């Protein structure tokens, strides 16, 4: 995916966007848990997960200031809500994602 396409995707206010930066050569490749999609469904919100191989998309890696593999970034409405750099426990990612869903609901209520 091109850098401009990623920017358009992360600017979406209609869904959460999770960018997963990885490299096939990295032993610490992140696996975003399928539970994230289940959590999004349970909270009646949309989630798009976009895996990005840093060796195939160096411009995207540069644009999002990726210097650690894996790195996972959570966006909505152009706002970086959460960032996990390096191997991260999938349960921590799930817990942080559910917190971001709750906080986004408050943010939307205050900025309608």
N, C-alpha and C. Protein backbone atom coordinates (compact mmCIF):
# COMPACT_ATOMS: atom_id res chain seq x y z
N UNK A 1 0.85 -1.18 0.00
CA UNK A 1 0.00 0.00 0.00
C UNK A 1 0.89 1.24 0.00
N UNK A 2 0.52 2.22 -0.79
CA UNK A 2 1.30 3.44 -0.89
C UNK A 2 1.14 4.31 0.34
N UNK A 3 2.14 5.14 0.55
CA UNK A 3 2.16 6.06 1.70
C UNK A 3 0.91 6.94 1.73
N UNK A 4 0.51 7.48 0.59
CA UNK A 4 -0.67 8.36 0.55
C UNK A 4 -1.94 7.58 0.85
N UNK A 5 -2.00 6.32 0.40
CA UNK A 5 -3.17 5.49 0.70
C UNK A 5 -3.25 5.20 2.20
N UNK A 6 -2.10 4.97 2.81
CA UNK A 6 -2.08 4.73 4.26
C UNK A 6 -2.53 5.97 5.01
N UNK A 7 -2.11 7.15 4.56
CA UNK A 7 -2.51 8.39 5.22
C UNK A 7 -4.03 8.57 5.12
N UNK A 8 -4.58 8.30 3.95
CA UNK A 8 -6.04 8.39 3.77
C UNK A 8 -6.75 7.40 4.68
N UNK A 9 -6.22 6.20 4.75
CA UNK A 9 -6.82 5.17 5.60
C UNK A 9 -6.79 5.57 7.07
N UNK A 10 -5.66 6.07 7.55
CA UNK A 10 -5.56 6.44 8.97
C UNK A 10 -6.39 7.67 9.31
N UNK A 11 -6.74 8.47 8.32
CA UNK A 11 -7.58 9.65 8.55
C UNK A 11 -9.06 9.31 8.71
N UNK A 12 -9.43 8.08 8.46
CA UNK A 12 -10.83 7.66 8.51
C UNK A 12 -11.42 7.86 9.91
N UNK A 13 -12.58 8.48 9.95
CA UNK A 13 -13.30 8.66 11.23
C UNK A 13 -14.32 7.55 11.44
N UNK A 14 -14.52 6.71 10.40
CA UNK A 14 -15.54 5.67 10.46
C UNK A 14 -15.04 4.35 11.02
N UNK A 15 -13.73 4.24 11.24
CA UNK A 15 -13.19 2.97 11.69
C UNK A 15 -11.85 3.16 12.39
N UNK A 16 -11.50 2.16 13.19
CA UNK A 16 -10.16 2.10 13.76
C UNK A 16 -9.27 1.46 12.69
N UNK A 17 -8.05 1.92 12.59
CA UNK A 17 -7.10 1.38 11.63
C UNK A 17 -5.84 0.96 12.38
N UNK A 18 -5.48 -0.29 12.24
CA UNK A 18 -4.31 -0.83 12.90
C UNK A 18 -3.26 -1.11 11.83
N UNK A 19 -2.15 -0.39 11.88
CA UNK A 19 -1.04 -0.62 10.96
C UNK A 19 -0.03 -1.52 11.66
N UNK A 20 0.25 -2.65 11.05
CA UNK A 20 1.19 -3.61 11.64
C UNK A 20 2.44 -3.65 10.76
N UNK A 21 3.51 -3.02 11.22
CA UNK A 21 4.77 -3.00 10.50
C UNK A 21 5.60 -4.21 10.94
N UNK A 22 6.02 -4.99 9.96
CA UNK A 22 6.78 -6.21 10.24
C UNK A 22 7.82 -6.42 9.14
N UNK A 23 8.65 -7.43 9.34
CA UNK A 23 9.59 -7.87 8.32
C UNK A 23 9.69 -9.39 8.43
N UNK A 24 9.71 -10.05 7.30
CA UNK A 24 9.80 -11.52 7.31
C UNK A 24 11.08 -12.01 7.97
N UNK A 25 12.14 -11.20 7.91
CA UNK A 25 13.42 -11.61 8.48
C UNK A 25 13.48 -11.43 9.99
N UNK A 26 12.51 -10.76 10.55
CA UNK A 26 12.53 -10.45 11.98
C UNK A 26 11.95 -11.61 12.80
N UNK A 27 12.70 -12.10 13.80
CA UNK A 27 12.18 -13.19 14.62
C UNK A 27 11.05 -12.72 15.55
N UNK A 28 10.94 -11.42 15.77
CA UNK A 28 9.93 -10.90 16.69
C UNK A 28 8.69 -10.41 15.99
N UNK A 29 8.33 -11.04 14.88
CA UNK A 29 7.16 -10.59 14.13
C UNK A 29 5.91 -10.65 15.00
N UNK A 30 5.19 -9.56 14.99
CA UNK A 30 3.97 -9.45 15.78
C UNK A 30 2.85 -10.23 15.12
N UNK A 31 2.01 -10.77 15.93
CA UNK A 31 0.79 -11.39 15.43
C UNK A 31 -0.35 -10.67 16.14
N UNK A 32 -1.06 -9.85 15.39
CA UNK A 32 -2.17 -9.12 15.97
C UNK A 32 -3.29 -10.15 16.21
N UNK A 33 -3.76 -10.24 17.43
CA UNK A 33 -4.73 -11.28 17.76
C UNK A 33 -6.07 -11.10 17.05
N UNK A 34 -6.65 -12.23 16.66
CA UNK A 34 -7.96 -12.19 16.02
C UNK A 34 -9.01 -11.65 17.00
N UNK A 35 -8.68 -11.66 18.28
CA UNK A 35 -9.59 -11.14 19.29
C UNK A 35 -9.90 -9.65 19.08
N UNK A 36 -8.97 -8.93 18.39
CA UNK A 36 -9.22 -7.51 18.13
C UNK A 36 -10.45 -7.32 17.26
N UNK A 37 -10.58 -8.16 16.24
CA UNK A 37 -11.76 -8.06 15.37
C UNK A 37 -13.02 -8.44 16.14
N UNK A 38 -12.91 -9.43 17.00
CA UNK A 38 -14.06 -9.82 17.81
C UNK A 38 -14.44 -8.70 18.77
N UNK A 39 -13.44 -8.02 19.35
CA UNK A 39 -13.72 -6.90 20.25
C UNK A 39 -14.38 -5.76 19.49
N UNK A 40 -13.90 -5.48 18.28
CA UNK A 40 -14.51 -4.42 17.47
C UNK A 40 -15.97 -4.76 17.18
N UNK A 41 -16.24 -6.00 16.82
CA UNK A 41 -17.61 -6.43 16.54
C UNK A 41 -18.48 -6.31 17.79
N UNK A 42 -17.95 -6.73 18.93
CA UNK A 42 -18.71 -6.65 20.19
C UNK A 42 -19.06 -5.22 20.55
N UNK A 43 -18.19 -4.28 20.20
CA UNK A 43 -18.43 -2.87 20.51
C UNK A 43 -19.09 -2.13 19.34
N UNK A 44 -19.50 -2.89 18.32
CA UNK A 44 -20.17 -2.35 17.14
C UNK A 44 -19.36 -1.23 16.48
N UNK A 45 -18.08 -1.50 16.29
CA UNK A 45 -17.21 -0.56 15.61
C UNK A 45 -16.42 -1.31 14.55
N UNK A 46 -15.92 -0.59 13.57
CA UNK A 46 -15.17 -1.20 12.48
C UNK A 46 -13.67 -1.14 12.77
N UNK A 47 -12.96 -2.17 12.29
CA UNK A 47 -11.52 -2.23 12.44
C UNK A 47 -10.92 -2.75 11.15
N UNK A 48 -9.93 -2.03 10.64
CA UNK A 48 -9.16 -2.49 9.49
C UNK A 48 -7.74 -2.73 9.97
N UNK A 49 -7.20 -3.91 9.67
CA UNK A 49 -5.83 -4.25 10.00
C UNK A 49 -5.03 -4.27 8.70
N UNK A 50 -3.99 -3.46 8.65
CA UNK A 50 -3.15 -3.35 7.44
C UNK A 50 -1.73 -3.78 7.76
N UNK A 51 -1.34 -5.01 7.36
CA UNK A 51 0.05 -5.44 7.56
C UNK A 51 0.95 -4.77 6.53
N UNK A 52 2.11 -4.30 6.97
CA UNK A 52 3.04 -3.60 6.09
C UNK A 52 4.43 -4.18 6.28
N UNK A 53 4.95 -4.80 5.24
CA UNK A 53 6.31 -5.34 5.26
C UNK A 53 7.27 -4.17 5.03
N UNK A 54 8.09 -3.86 6.01
CA UNK A 54 8.98 -2.69 5.91
C UNK A 54 9.99 -2.80 4.77
N UNK A 55 10.33 -4.01 4.37
CA UNK A 55 11.27 -4.16 3.26
C UNK A 55 10.60 -3.85 1.93
N UNK A 56 9.29 -4.01 1.86
CA UNK A 56 8.54 -3.73 0.64
C UNK A 56 8.01 -2.29 0.60
N UNK A 57 7.93 -1.65 1.75
CA UNK A 57 7.36 -0.29 1.83
C UNK A 57 8.22 0.62 2.70
N UNK A 58 9.48 0.88 2.29
CA UNK A 58 10.35 1.71 3.12
C UNK A 58 9.84 3.14 3.27
N UNK A 59 9.11 3.67 2.27
CA UNK A 59 8.58 5.02 2.38
C UNK A 59 7.50 5.10 3.46
N UNK A 60 6.69 4.06 3.58
CA UNK A 60 5.67 4.03 4.63
C UNK A 60 6.33 3.93 6.00
N UNK A 61 7.38 3.13 6.09
CA UNK A 61 8.11 3.00 7.35
C UNK A 61 8.69 4.34 7.78
N UNK A 62 9.21 5.07 6.82
CA UNK A 62 9.78 6.38 7.12
C UNK A 62 8.69 7.37 7.53
N UNK A 63 7.58 7.36 6.82
CA UNK A 63 6.48 8.29 7.10
C UNK A 63 5.92 8.10 8.50
N UNK A 64 5.87 6.85 8.96
CA UNK A 64 5.30 6.56 10.28
C UNK A 64 6.39 6.37 11.34
N UNK A 65 7.62 6.78 11.01
CA UNK A 65 8.75 6.77 11.94
C UNK A 65 8.95 5.41 12.61
N UNK A 66 9.04 4.38 11.79
CA UNK A 66 9.22 3.02 12.28
C UNK A 66 10.72 2.74 12.38
N UNK A 67 11.18 2.47 13.59
CA UNK A 67 12.58 2.09 13.77
C UNK A 67 12.73 0.81 14.57
N UNK A 68 11.60 0.21 14.93
CA UNK A 68 11.59 -1.05 15.66
C UNK A 68 10.62 -1.99 14.97
N UNK A 69 11.03 -3.24 14.84
CA UNK A 69 10.17 -4.25 14.25
C UNK A 69 9.89 -5.30 15.30
N UNK A 70 8.66 -5.69 15.51
CA UNK A 70 7.46 -5.14 14.90
C UNK A 70 7.03 -3.85 15.59
N UNK A 71 6.24 -3.07 14.87
CA UNK A 71 5.58 -1.89 15.44
C UNK A 71 4.12 -1.94 14.99
N UNK A 72 3.24 -1.67 15.92
CA UNK A 72 1.81 -1.67 15.64
C UNK A 72 1.25 -0.33 16.08
N UNK A 73 0.53 0.34 15.16
CA UNK A 73 -0.01 1.67 15.42
C UNK A 73 -1.52 1.64 15.24
N UNK A 74 -2.24 2.24 16.17
CA UNK A 74 -3.69 2.29 16.12
C UNK A 74 -4.14 3.73 15.87
N UNK A 75 -4.93 3.92 14.81
CA UNK A 75 -5.41 5.25 14.42
C UNK A 75 -6.93 5.28 14.34
N UNK A 76 -7.45 6.48 14.47
CA UNK A 76 -8.83 6.78 14.11
C UNK A 76 -8.91 8.29 13.91
N UNK A 77 -9.51 8.69 12.82
CA UNK A 77 -9.69 10.10 12.54
C UNK A 77 -8.39 10.87 12.45
N UNK A 78 -7.34 10.21 12.00
CA UNK A 78 -6.04 10.87 11.87
C UNK A 78 -5.29 11.02 13.18
N UNK A 79 -5.82 10.46 14.24
CA UNK A 79 -5.20 10.57 15.57
C UNK A 79 -4.54 9.23 15.92
N UNK A 80 -3.27 9.29 16.28
CA UNK A 80 -2.58 8.10 16.76
C UNK A 80 -3.05 7.85 18.18
N UNK A 81 -3.77 6.76 18.37
CA UNK A 81 -4.34 6.45 19.69
C UNK A 81 -3.42 5.60 20.54
N UNK A 82 -2.67 4.72 19.89
CA UNK A 82 -1.80 3.81 20.64
C UNK A 82 -0.69 3.33 19.72
N UNK A 83 0.47 3.09 20.29
CA UNK A 83 1.61 2.57 19.54
C UNK A 83 2.31 1.53 20.41
N UNK A 84 2.60 0.39 19.80
CA UNK A 84 3.34 -0.67 20.46
C UNK A 84 4.58 -0.94 19.63
N UNK A 85 5.75 -0.74 20.19
CA UNK A 85 7.02 -0.98 19.49
C UNK A 85 7.70 -2.19 20.10
N UNK A 86 8.14 -3.09 19.24
CA UNK A 86 8.79 -4.30 19.70
C UNK A 86 7.76 -5.37 20.01
N UNK A 87 8.24 -6.58 20.28
CA UNK A 87 7.31 -7.66 20.60
C UNK A 87 6.44 -7.28 21.80
N UNK A 88 5.15 -7.43 21.63
CA UNK A 88 4.19 -7.05 22.67
C UNK A 88 3.22 -8.18 22.88
N UNK A 89 2.89 -8.44 24.11
CA UNK A 89 1.92 -9.48 24.44
C UNK A 89 0.58 -9.14 23.77
N UNK A 90 0.02 -10.06 23.00
CA UNK A 90 -1.26 -9.79 22.32
C UNK A 90 -2.38 -9.41 23.29
N UNK A 91 -2.33 -9.91 24.51
CA UNK A 91 -3.35 -9.54 25.49
C UNK A 91 -3.25 -8.07 25.89
N UNK A 92 -2.03 -7.54 25.91
CA UNK A 92 -1.84 -6.11 26.19
C UNK A 92 -2.43 -5.29 25.05
N UNK A 93 -2.18 -5.72 23.83
CA UNK A 93 -2.73 -5.01 22.67
C UNK A 93 -4.26 -5.04 22.73
N UNK A 94 -4.84 -6.18 23.04
CA UNK A 94 -6.30 -6.30 23.15
C UNK A 94 -6.85 -5.37 24.22
N UNK A 95 -6.23 -5.37 25.38
CA UNK A 95 -6.68 -4.52 26.49
C UNK A 95 -6.58 -3.04 26.10
N UNK A 96 -5.48 -2.65 25.50
CA UNK A 96 -5.30 -1.25 25.07
C UNK A 96 -6.31 -0.87 23.99
N UNK A 97 -6.61 -1.81 23.10
CA UNK A 97 -7.57 -1.54 22.03
C UNK A 97 -8.96 -1.31 22.62
N UNK A 98 -9.36 -2.14 23.56
CA UNK A 98 -10.67 -1.96 24.18
C UNK A 98 -10.75 -0.63 24.93
N UNK A 99 -9.67 -0.23 25.56
CA UNK A 99 -9.64 1.08 26.22
C UNK A 99 -9.76 2.20 25.19
N UNK A 100 -9.10 2.05 24.05
CA UNK A 100 -9.17 3.07 23.00
C UNK A 100 -10.60 3.20 22.45
N UNK A 101 -11.31 2.08 22.33
CA UNK A 101 -12.71 2.12 21.89
C UNK A 101 -13.53 2.95 22.85
N UNK A 102 -13.37 2.72 24.14
CA UNK A 102 -14.12 3.47 25.16
C UNK A 102 -13.76 4.95 25.13
N UNK A 103 -12.47 5.24 25.04
CA UNK A 103 -12.03 6.64 25.03
C UNK A 103 -12.50 7.36 23.77
N UNK A 104 -12.54 6.65 22.64
CA UNK A 104 -13.01 7.27 21.40
C UNK A 104 -14.49 7.63 21.51
N UNK A 105 -15.27 6.78 22.16
CA UNK A 105 -16.70 7.07 22.34
C UNK A 105 -16.88 8.36 23.13
N UNK A 106 -16.07 8.56 24.15
CA UNK A 106 -16.13 9.80 24.94
C UNK A 106 -15.70 10.98 24.08
N UNK A 107 -14.64 10.81 23.32
CA UNK A 107 -14.14 11.87 22.44
C UNK A 107 -15.21 12.29 21.44
N UNK A 108 -15.85 11.32 20.81
CA UNK A 108 -16.90 11.62 19.83
C UNK A 108 -18.07 12.34 20.48
N UNK A 109 -18.45 11.92 21.68
CA UNK A 109 -19.56 12.55 22.36
C UNK A 109 -19.27 14.02 22.67
N UNK A 110 -18.03 14.33 22.95
CA UNK A 110 -17.65 15.70 23.28
C UNK A 110 -17.38 16.56 22.05
N UNK A 111 -17.19 15.96 20.89
CA UNK A 111 -16.83 16.71 19.69
C UNK A 111 -17.82 16.52 18.54
N UNK A 112 -19.09 16.35 18.87
CA UNK A 112 -20.11 16.21 17.83
C UNK A 112 -20.44 17.53 17.21
